Amino acid sequence: MEFYVNIIHSQSLDRYYIGCTENIESRLIKHLQNHKGFTSRGKDWKLVYSEKIPDKKLALAREKEIKNWKNRRMIEKLISQNSI
């Protein structure tokens, strides 16, 4: 099974969300639906980055690595270098 580390962006909130999933399309749909949590505040989330990783453990480590950057410029550089 393949996993994906992805970054979605809400223009209305001007925020990024970094996550890991097996199915990008269904996960994005869940982010756009009514629910509790961080992404419920925006209704315009768009996929801006995706990275395929062959193993769940490695995907979770990569997600954590990107989240630990805590630097918007580094995240935007990653997105610009690997545009979808």
PDB file of N, CA and C in Angstrom:
ATOM      1  N   MET A   1       0.833  -1.184   0.000  1.00  0.00           N
ATOM      2  CA  MET A   1       0.000   0.000   0.000  1.00  0.00           C
ATOM      3  C   MET A   1       0.880   1.249   0.000  1.00  0.00           C
ATOM      4  N   GLU A   2       0.486   2.211  -0.786  1.00  0.00           N
ATOM      5  CA  GLU A   2       1.222   3.483  -0.847  1.00  0.00           C
ATOM      6  C   GLU A   2       0.525   4.531   0.011  1.00  0.00           C
ATOM      7  N   PHE A   3       1.317   5.430   0.516  1.00  0.00           N
ATOM      8  CA  PHE A   3       0.800   6.534   1.321  1.00  0.00           C
ATOM      9  C   PHE A   3       1.255   7.846   0.697  1.00  0.00           C
ATOM     10  N   TYR A   4       0.570   8.895   1.051  1.00  0.00           N
ATOM     11  CA  TYR A   4       0.872  10.219   0.509  1.00  0.00           C
ATOM     12  C   TYR A   4       0.977  11.221   1.638  1.00  0.00           C
ATOM     13  N   VAL A   5       2.028  12.010   1.601  1.00  0.00           N
ATOM     14  CA  VAL A   5       2.121  13.193   2.447  1.00  0.00           C
ATOM     15  C   VAL A   5       1.631  14.327   1.568  1.00  0.00           C
ATOM     16  N   ASN A   6       0.672  15.075   2.074  1.00  0.00           N
ATOM     17  CA  ASN A   6       0.105  16.131   1.246  1.00  0.00           C
ATOM     18  C   ASN A   6      -0.026  17.422   2.032  1.00  0.00           C
ATOM     19  N   ILE A   7      -0.053  18.496   1.266  1.00  0.00           N
ATOM     20  CA  ILE A   7      -0.263  19.823   1.852  1.00  0.00           C
ATOM     21  C   ILE A   7      -1.459  20.429   1.138  1.00  0.00           C
ATOM     22  N   ILE A   8      -2.417  20.886   1.932  1.00  0.00           N
ATOM     23  CA  ILE A   8      -3.561  21.598   1.361  1.00  0.00           C
ATOM     24  C   ILE A   8      -3.509  23.039   1.854  1.00  0.00           C
ATOM     25  N   HIS A   9      -4.128  23.928   1.092  1.00  0.00           N
ATOM     26  CA  HIS A   9      -4.090  25.355   1.416  1.00  0.00           C
ATOM     27  C   HIS A   9      -5.493  25.931   1.339  1.00  0.00           C
ATOM     28  N   SER A  10      -5.811  26.781   2.283  1.00  0.00           N
ATOM     29  CA  SER A  10      -7.061  27.537   2.276  1.00  0.00           C
ATOM     30  C   SER A  10      -6.715  28.989   2.001  1.00  0.00           C
ATOM     31  N   GLN A  11      -7.200  29.501   0.885  1.00  0.00           N
ATOM     32  CA  GLN A  11      -6.934  30.906   0.551  1.00  0.00           C
ATOM     33  C   GLN A  11      -7.654  31.832   1.519  1.00  0.00           C
ATOM     34  N   SER A  12      -8.874  31.483   1.914  1.00  0.00           N
ATOM     35  CA  SER A  12      -9.637  32.353   2.817  1.00  0.00           C
ATOM     36  C   SER A  12      -8.975  32.473   4.187  1.00  0.00           C
ATOM     37  N   LEU A  13      -8.360  31.397   4.672  1.00  0.00           N
ATOM     38  CA  LEU A  13      -7.655  31.425   5.957  1.00  0.00           C
ATOM     39  C   LEU A  13      -6.179  31.759   5.801  1.00  0.00           C
ATOM     40  N   ASP A  14      -5.668  31.643   4.573  1.00  0.00           N
ATOM     41  CA  ASP A  14      -4.249  31.779   4.268  1.00  0.00           C
ATOM     42  C   ASP A  14      -3.422  30.884   5.174  1.00  0.00           C
ATOM     43  N   ARG A  15      -3.839  29.600   5.234  1.00  0.00           N
ATOM     44  CA  ARG A  15      -3.176  28.607   6.082  1.00  0.00           C
ATOM     45  C   ARG A  15      -2.917  27.340   5.296  1.00  0.00           C
ATOM     46  N   TYR A  16      -1.893  26.621   5.722  1.00  0.00           N
ATOM     47  CA  TYR A  16      -1.561  25.319   5.159  1.00  0.00           C
ATOM     48  C   TYR A  16      -1.909  24.238   6.180  1.00  0.00           C
ATOM     49  N   TYR A  17      -2.245  23.075   5.662  1.00  0.00           N
ATOM     50  CA  TYR A  17      -2.462  21.904   6.504  1.00  0.00           C
ATOM     51  C   TYR A  17      -1.643  20.767   5.913  1.00  0.00           C
ATOM     52  N   ILE A  18      -0.870  20.115   6.743  1.00  0.00           N
ATOM     53  CA  ILE A  18      -0.003  19.027   6.308  1.00  0.00           C
ATOM     54  C   ILE A  18      -0.555  17.735   6.887  1.00  0.00           C
ATOM     55  N   GLY A  19      -0.707  16.725   6.035  1.00  0.00           N
ATOM     56  CA  GLY A  19      -1.252  15.465   6.497  1.00  0.00           C
ATOM     57  C   GLY A  19      -0.709  14.279   5.724  1.00  0.00           C
ATOM     58  N   CYS A  20      -1.137  13.112   6.154  1.00  0.00           N
ATOM     59  CA  CYS A  20      -0.714  11.851   5.551  1.00  0.00           C
ATOM     60  C   CYS A  20      -1.960  11.005   5.343  1.00  0.00           C
ATOM     61  N   THR A  21      -2.066  10.347   4.187  1.00  0.00           N
ATOM     62  CA  THR A  21      -3.249   9.562   3.884  1.00  0.00           C
ATOM     63  C   THR A  21      -2.945   8.466   2.869  1.00  0.00           C
ATOM     64  N   GLU A  22      -3.854   7.508   2.777  1.00  0.00           N
ATOM     65  CA  GLU A  22      -3.767   6.473   1.746  1.00  0.00           C
ATOM     66  C   GLU A  22      -4.506   6.916   0.483  1.00  0.00           C
ATOM     67  N   ASN A  23      -5.486   7.814   0.638  1.00  0.00           N
ATOM     68  CA  ASN A  23      -6.320   8.227  -0.486  1.00  0.00           C
ATOM     69  C   ASN A  23      -6.515   9.744  -0.436  1.00  0.00           C
ATOM     70  N   ILE A  24      -5.799  10.442  -1.278  1.00  0.00           N
ATOM     71  CA  ILE A  24      -5.825  11.909  -1.258  1.00  0.00           C
ATOM     72  C   ILE A  24      -7.215  12.462  -1.559  1.00  0.00           C
ATOM     73  N   GLU A  25      -7.875  11.926  -2.576  1.00  0.00           N
ATOM     74  CA  GLU A  25      -9.165  12.464  -2.999  1.00  0.00           C
ATOM     75  C   GLU A  25     -10.212  12.361  -1.892  1.00  0.00           C
ATOM     76  N   SER A  26     -10.334  11.189  -1.275  1.00  0.00           N
ATOM     77  CA  SER A  26     -11.349  11.040  -0.225  1.00  0.00           C
ATOM     78  C   SER A  26     -10.991  11.858   1.010  1.00  0.00           C
ATOM     79  N   ARG A  27      -9.708  11.996   1.284  1.00  0.00           N
ATOM     80  CA  ARG A  27      -9.298  12.792   2.442  1.00  0.00           C
ATOM     81  C   ARG A  27      -9.603  14.273   2.232  1.00  0.00           C
ATOM     82  N   LEU A  28      -9.384  14.771   1.034  1.00  0.00           N
ATOM     83  CA  LEU A  28      -9.702  16.166   0.745  1.00  0.00           C
ATOM     84  C   LEU A  28     -11.205  16.406   0.875  1.00  0.00           C
ATOM     85  N   ILE A  29     -11.997  15.477   0.397  1.00  0.00           N
ATOM     86  CA  ILE A  29     -13.460  15.595   0.535  1.00  0.00           C
ATOM     87  C   ILE A  29     -13.845  15.693   2.007  1.00  0.00           C
ATOM     88  N   LYS A  30     -13.219  14.888   2.849  1.00  0.00           N
ATOM     89  CA  LYS A  30     -13.518  14.944   4.293  1.00  0.00           C
ATOM     90  C   LYS A  30     -13.139  16.299   4.886  1.00  0.00           C
ATOM     91  N   HIS A  31     -12.023  16.864   4.434  1.00  0.00           N
ATOM     92  CA  HIS A  31     -11.619  18.183   4.934  1.00  0.00           C
ATOM     93  C   HIS A  31     -12.633  19.256   4.540  1.00  0.00           C
ATOM     94  N   LEU A  32     -13.274  19.085   3.407  1.00  0.00           N
ATOM     95  CA  LEU A  32     -14.222  20.089   2.918  1.00  0.00           C
ATOM     96  C   LEU A  32     -15.616  19.939   3.525  1.00  0.00           C
ATOM     97  N   GLN A  33     -15.897  18.823   4.174  1.00  0.00           N
ATOM     98  CA  GLN A  33     -17.212  18.601   4.779  1.00  0.00           C
ATOM     99  C   GLN A  33     -17.278  19.218   6.174  1.00  0.00           C
ATOM    100  N   ASN A  34     -18.496  19.297   6.709  1.00  0.00           N
ATOM    101  CA  ASN A  34     -18.677  19.789   8.071  1.00  0.00           C
ATOM    102  C   ASN A  34     -18.131  18.754   9.050  1.00  0.00           C
ATOM    103  N   HIS A  35     -17.250  19.188   9.943  1.00  0.00           N
ATOM    104  CA  HIS A  35     -16.656  18.327  10.947  1.00  0.00           C
ATOM    105  C   HIS A  35     -15.999  19.205  12.006  1.00  0.00           C
ATOM    106  N   LYS A  36     -15.534  18.568  13.047  1.00  0.00           N
ATOM    107  CA  LYS A  36     -14.780  19.294  14.070  1.00  0.00           C
ATOM    108  C   LYS A  36     -13.309  19.174  13.727  1.00  0.00           C
ATOM    109  N   GLY A  37     -12.569  20.195  14.020  1.00  0.00           N
ATOM    110  CA  GLY A  37     -11.138  20.145  13.775  1.00  0.00           C
ATOM    111  C   GLY A  37     -10.637  21.364  13.033  1.00  0.00           C
ATOM    112  N   PHE A  38      -9.328  21.412  12.855  1.00  0.00           N
ATOM    113  CA  PHE A  38      -8.666  22.576  12.263  1.00  0.00           C
ATOM    114  C   PHE A  38      -9.211  22.917  10.885  1.00  0.00           C
ATOM    115  N   THR A  39      -9.357  21.925  10.011  1.00  0.00           N
ATOM    116  CA  THR A  39      -9.740  22.215   8.632  1.00  0.00           C
ATOM    117  C   THR A  39     -11.212  22.586   8.483  1.00  0.00           C
ATOM    118  N   SER A  40     -12.007  22.439   9.534  1.00  0.00           N
ATOM    119  CA  SER A  40     -13.432  22.803   9.439  1.00  0.00           C
ATOM    120  C   SER A  40     -13.630  24.311   9.301  1.00  0.00           C
ATOM    121  N   ARG A  41     -12.603  25.091   9.645  1.00  0.00           N
ATOM    122  CA  ARG A  41     -12.720  26.550   9.581  1.00  0.00           C
ATOM    123  C   ARG A  41     -12.649  27.092   8.159  1.00  0.00           C
ATOM    124  N   GLY A  42     -12.174  26.274   7.221  1.00  0.00           N
ATOM    125  CA  GLY A  42     -12.079  26.713   5.829  1.00  0.00           C
ATOM    126  C   GLY A  42     -12.880  25.792   4.932  1.00  0.00           C
ATOM    127  N   LYS A  43     -13.499  26.331   3.928  1.00  0.00           N
ATOM    128  CA  LYS A  43     -14.283  25.522   2.996  1.00  0.00           C
ATOM    129  C   LYS A  43     -13.715  25.590   1.581  1.00  0.00           C
ATOM    130  N   ASP A  44     -12.479  26.076   1.471  1.00  0.00           N
ATOM    131  CA  ASP A  44     -11.866  26.229   0.148  1.00  0.00           C
ATOM    132  C   ASP A  44     -10.499  25.545   0.070  1.00  0.00           C
ATOM    133  N   TRP A  45     -10.323  24.431   0.789  1.00  0.00           N
ATOM    134  CA  TRP A  45      -9.043  23.728   0.783  1.00  0.00           C
ATOM    135  C   TRP A  45      -8.737  23.172  -0.597  1.00  0.00           C
ATOM    136  N   LYS A  46      -7.498  23.367  -1.033  1.00  0.00           N
ATOM    137  CA  LYS A  46      -7.039  22.855  -2.328  1.00  0.00           C
ATOM    138  C   LYS A  46      -5.709  22.141  -2.118  1.00  0.00           C
ATOM    139  N   LEU A  47      -5.543  21.034  -2.812  1.00  0.00           N
ATOM    140  CA  LEU A  47      -4.298  20.285  -2.753  1.00  0.00           C
ATOM    141  C   LEU A  47      -3.219  21.067  -3.487  1.00  0.00           C
ATOM    142  N   VAL A  48      -2.104  21.369  -2.790  1.00  0.00           N
ATOM    143  CA  VAL A  48      -1.015  22.122  -3.412  1.00  0.00           C
ATOM    144  C   VAL A  48       0.286  21.320  -3.472  1.00  0.00           C
ATOM    145  N   TYR A  49       0.343  20.190  -2.749  1.00  0.00           N
ATOM    146  CA  TYR A  49       1.556  19.370  -2.757  1.00  0.00           C
ATOM    147  C   TYR A  49       1.195  17.947  -2.366  1.00  0.00           C
ATOM    148  N   SER A  50       1.828  16.997  -3.030  1.00  0.00           N
ATOM    149  CA  SER A  50       1.637  15.595  -2.701  1.00  0.00           C
ATOM    150  C   SER A  50       2.941  14.852  -2.955  1.00  0.00           C
ATOM    151  N   GLU A  51       3.271  13.963  -2.049  1.00  0.00           N
ATOM    152  CA  GLU A  51       4.499  13.180  -2.158  1.00  0.00           C
ATOM    153  C   GLU A  51       4.155  11.716  -1.868  1.00  0.00           C
ATOM    154  N   LYS A  52       4.386  10.837  -2.832  1.00  0.00           N
ATOM    155  CA  LYS A  52       4.089   9.410  -2.669  1.00  0.00           C
ATOM    156  C   LYS A  52       5.219   8.743  -1.900  1.00  0.00           C
ATOM    157  N   ILE A  53       4.835   7.960  -0.872  1.00  0.00           N
ATOM    158  CA  ILE A  53       5.813   7.276  -0.037  1.00  0.00           C
ATOM    159  C   ILE A  53       5.346   5.827   0.136  1.00  0.00           C
ATOM    160  N   PRO A  54       6.224   4.860  -0.049  1.00  0.00           N
ATOM    161  CA  PRO A  54       5.811   3.456  -0.108  1.00  0.00           C
ATOM    162  C   PRO A  54       5.461   2.804   1.230  1.00  0.00           C
ATOM    163  N   ASP A  55       5.686   3.481   2.328  1.00  0.00           N
ATOM    164  CA  ASP A  55       5.525   2.852   3.638  1.00  0.00           C
ATOM    165  C   ASP A  55       4.882   3.831   4.618  1.00  0.00           C
ATOM    166  N   LYS A  56       3.939   3.351   5.430  1.00  0.00           N
ATOM    167  CA  LYS A  56       3.228   4.224   6.358  1.00  0.00           C
ATOM    168  C   LYS A  56       4.179   4.861   7.381  1.00  0.00           C
ATOM    169  N   LYS A  57       5.100   4.077   7.914  1.00  0.00           N
ATOM    170  CA  LYS A  57       6.030   4.605   8.911  1.00  0.00           C
ATOM    171  C   LYS A  57       6.876   5.737   8.324  1.00  0.00           C
ATOM    172  N   LEU A  58       7.353   5.556   7.105  1.00  0.00           N
ATOM    173  CA  LEU A  58       8.147   6.601   6.443  1.00  0.00           C
ATOM    174  C   LEU A  58       7.297   7.828   6.129  1.00  0.00           C
ATOM    175  N   ALA A  59       6.039   7.601   5.737  1.00  0.00           N
ATOM    176  CA  ALA A  59       5.139   8.716   5.423  1.00  0.00           C
ATOM    177  C   ALA A  59       4.864   9.547   6.677  1.00  0.00           C
ATOM    178  N   LEU A  60       4.630   8.879   7.800  1.00  0.00           N
ATOM    179  CA  LEU A  60       4.381   9.608   9.044  1.00  0.00           C
ATOM    180  C   LEU A  60       5.623  10.378   9.488  1.00  0.00           C
ATOM    181  N   ALA A  61       6.807   9.796   9.261  1.00  0.00           N
ATOM    182  CA  ALA A  61       8.048  10.494   9.599  1.00  0.00           C
ATOM    183  C   ALA A  61       8.238  11.725   8.714  1.00  0.00           C
ATOM    184  N   ARG A  62       7.915  11.604   7.429  1.00  0.00           N
ATOM    185  CA  ARG A  62       8.040  12.741   6.507  1.00  0.00           C
ATOM    186  C   ARG A  62       7.050  13.841   6.874  1.00  0.00           C
ATOM    187  N   GLU A  63       5.815  13.455   7.213  1.00  0.00           N
ATOM    188  CA  GLU A  63       4.814  14.435   7.653  1.00  0.00           C
ATOM    189  C   GLU A  63       5.331  15.196   8.869  1.00  0.00           C
ATOM    190  N   LYS A  64       5.862  14.478   9.827  1.00  0.00           N
ATOM    191  CA  LYS A  64       6.385  15.107  11.042  1.00  0.00           C
ATOM    192  C   LYS A  64       7.555  16.042  10.722  1.00  0.00           C
ATOM    193  N   GLU A  65       8.422  15.601   9.797  1.00  0.00           N
ATOM    194  CA  GLU A  65       9.564  16.432   9.403  1.00  0.00           C
ATOM    195  C   GLU A  65       9.099  17.778   8.850  1.00  0.00           C
ATOM    196  N   ILE A  66       8.125  17.745   7.944  1.00  0.00           N
ATOM    197  CA  ILE A  66       7.624  18.988   7.342  1.00  0.00           C
ATOM    198  C   ILE A  66       6.938  19.852   8.402  1.00  0.00           C
ATOM    199  N   LYS A  67       6.130  19.233   9.261  1.00  0.00           N
ATOM    200  CA  LYS A  67       5.445  19.999  10.312  1.00  0.00           C
ATOM    201  C   LYS A  67       6.437  20.657  11.267  1.00  0.00           C
ATOM    202  N   ASN A  68       7.542  19.989  11.520  1.00  0.00           N
ATOM    203  CA  ASN A  68       8.541  20.529  12.451  1.00  0.00           C
ATOM    204  C   ASN A  68       9.298  21.720  11.886  1.00  0.00           C
ATOM    205  N   TRP A  69       9.223  21.926  10.576  1.00  0.00           N
ATOM    206  CA  TRP A  69       9.870  23.100   9.994  1.00  0.00           C
ATOM    207  C   TRP A  69       9.300  24.374  10.588  1.00  0.00           C
ATOM    208  N   LYS A  70       7.994  24.423  10.781  1.00  0.00           N
ATOM    209  CA  LYS A  70       7.307  25.601  11.333  1.00  0.00           C
ATOM    210  C   LYS A  70       7.757  26.888  10.644  1.00  0.00           C
ATOM    211  N   ASN A  71       8.009  26.758   9.361  1.00  0.00           N
ATOM    212  CA  ASN A  71       8.505  27.891   8.594  1.00  0.00           C
ATOM    213  C   ASN A  71       7.759  27.944   7.268  1.00  0.00           C
ATOM    214  N   ARG A  72       6.917  28.920   7.129  1.00  0.00           N
ATOM    215  CA  ARG A  72       6.077  29.052   5.938  1.00  0.00           C
ATOM    216  C   ARG A  72       6.908  29.126   4.661  1.00  0.00           C
ATOM    217  N   ARG A  73       8.044  29.820   4.711  1.00  0.00           N
ATOM    218  CA  ARG A  73       8.880  29.946   3.511  1.00  0.00           C
ATOM    219  C   ARG A  73       9.422  28.597   3.060  1.00  0.00           C
ATOM    220  N   MET A  74       9.808  27.745   3.984  1.00  0.00           N
ATOM    221  CA  MET A  74      10.313  26.420   3.619  1.00  0.00           C
ATOM    222  C   MET A  74       9.200  25.571   3.006  1.00  0.00           C
ATOM    223  N   ILE A  75       8.006  25.666   3.567  1.00  0.00           N
ATOM    224  CA  ILE A  75       6.865  24.919   3.031  1.00  0.00           C
ATOM    225  C   ILE A  75       6.528  25.421   1.628  1.00  0.00           C
ATOM    226  N   GLU A  76       6.516  26.729   1.434  1.00  0.00           N
ATOM    227  CA  GLU A  76       6.199  27.287   0.119  1.00  0.00           C
ATOM    228  C   GLU A  76       7.302  26.967  -0.911  1.00  0.00           C
ATOM    229  N   LYS A  77       8.537  26.875  -0.451  1.00  0.00           N
ATOM    230  CA  LYS A  77       9.631  26.479  -1.344  1.00  0.00           C
ATOM    231  C   LYS A  77       9.436  25.033  -1.795  1.00  0.00           C
ATOM    232  N   LEU A  78       9.077  24.159  -0.871  1.00  0.00           N
ATOM    233  CA  LEU A  78       8.807  22.752  -1.198  1.00  0.00           C
ATOM    234  C   LEU A  78       7.684  22.664  -2.212  1.00  0.00           C
ATOM    235  N   ILE A  79       6.616  23.423  -2.000  1.00  0.00           N
ATOM    236  CA  ILE A  79       5.470  23.417  -2.920  1.00  0.00           C
ATOM    237  C   ILE A  79       5.889  23.916  -4.305  1.00  0.00           C
ATOM    238  N   SER A  80       6.640  24.997  -4.354  1.00  0.00           N
ATOM    239  CA  SER A  80       7.028  25.567  -5.643  1.00  0.00           C
ATOM    240  C   SER A  80       7.973  24.659  -6.425  1.00  0.00           C
ATOM    241  N   GLN A  81       8.792  23.901  -5.738  1.00  0.00           N
ATOM    242  CA  GLN A  81       9.714  22.990  -6.408  1.00  0.00           C
ATOM    243  C   GLN A  81       9.029  21.736  -6.926  1.00  0.00           C
ATOM    244  N   ASN A  82       7.869  21.425  -6.381  1.00  0.00           N
ATOM    245  CA  ASN A  82       7.175  20.193  -6.707  1.00  0.00           C
ATOM    246  C   ASN A  82       5.711  20.449  -7.003  1.00  0.00           C
ATOM    247  N   SER A  83       5.422  21.435  -7.834  1.00  0.00           N
ATOM    248  CA  SER A  83       4.033  21.807  -8.093  1.00  0.00           C
ATOM    249  C   SER A  83       3.285  20.646  -8.739  1.00  0.00           C
ATOM    250  N   ILE A  84       2.016  20.553  -8.406  1.00  0.00           N
ATOM    251  CA  ILE A  84       1.146  19.474  -8.897  1.00  0.00           C
ATOM    252  C   ILE A  84       0.717  19.755 -10.314  1.00  0.00           C
TER     253      ILE A  84
END
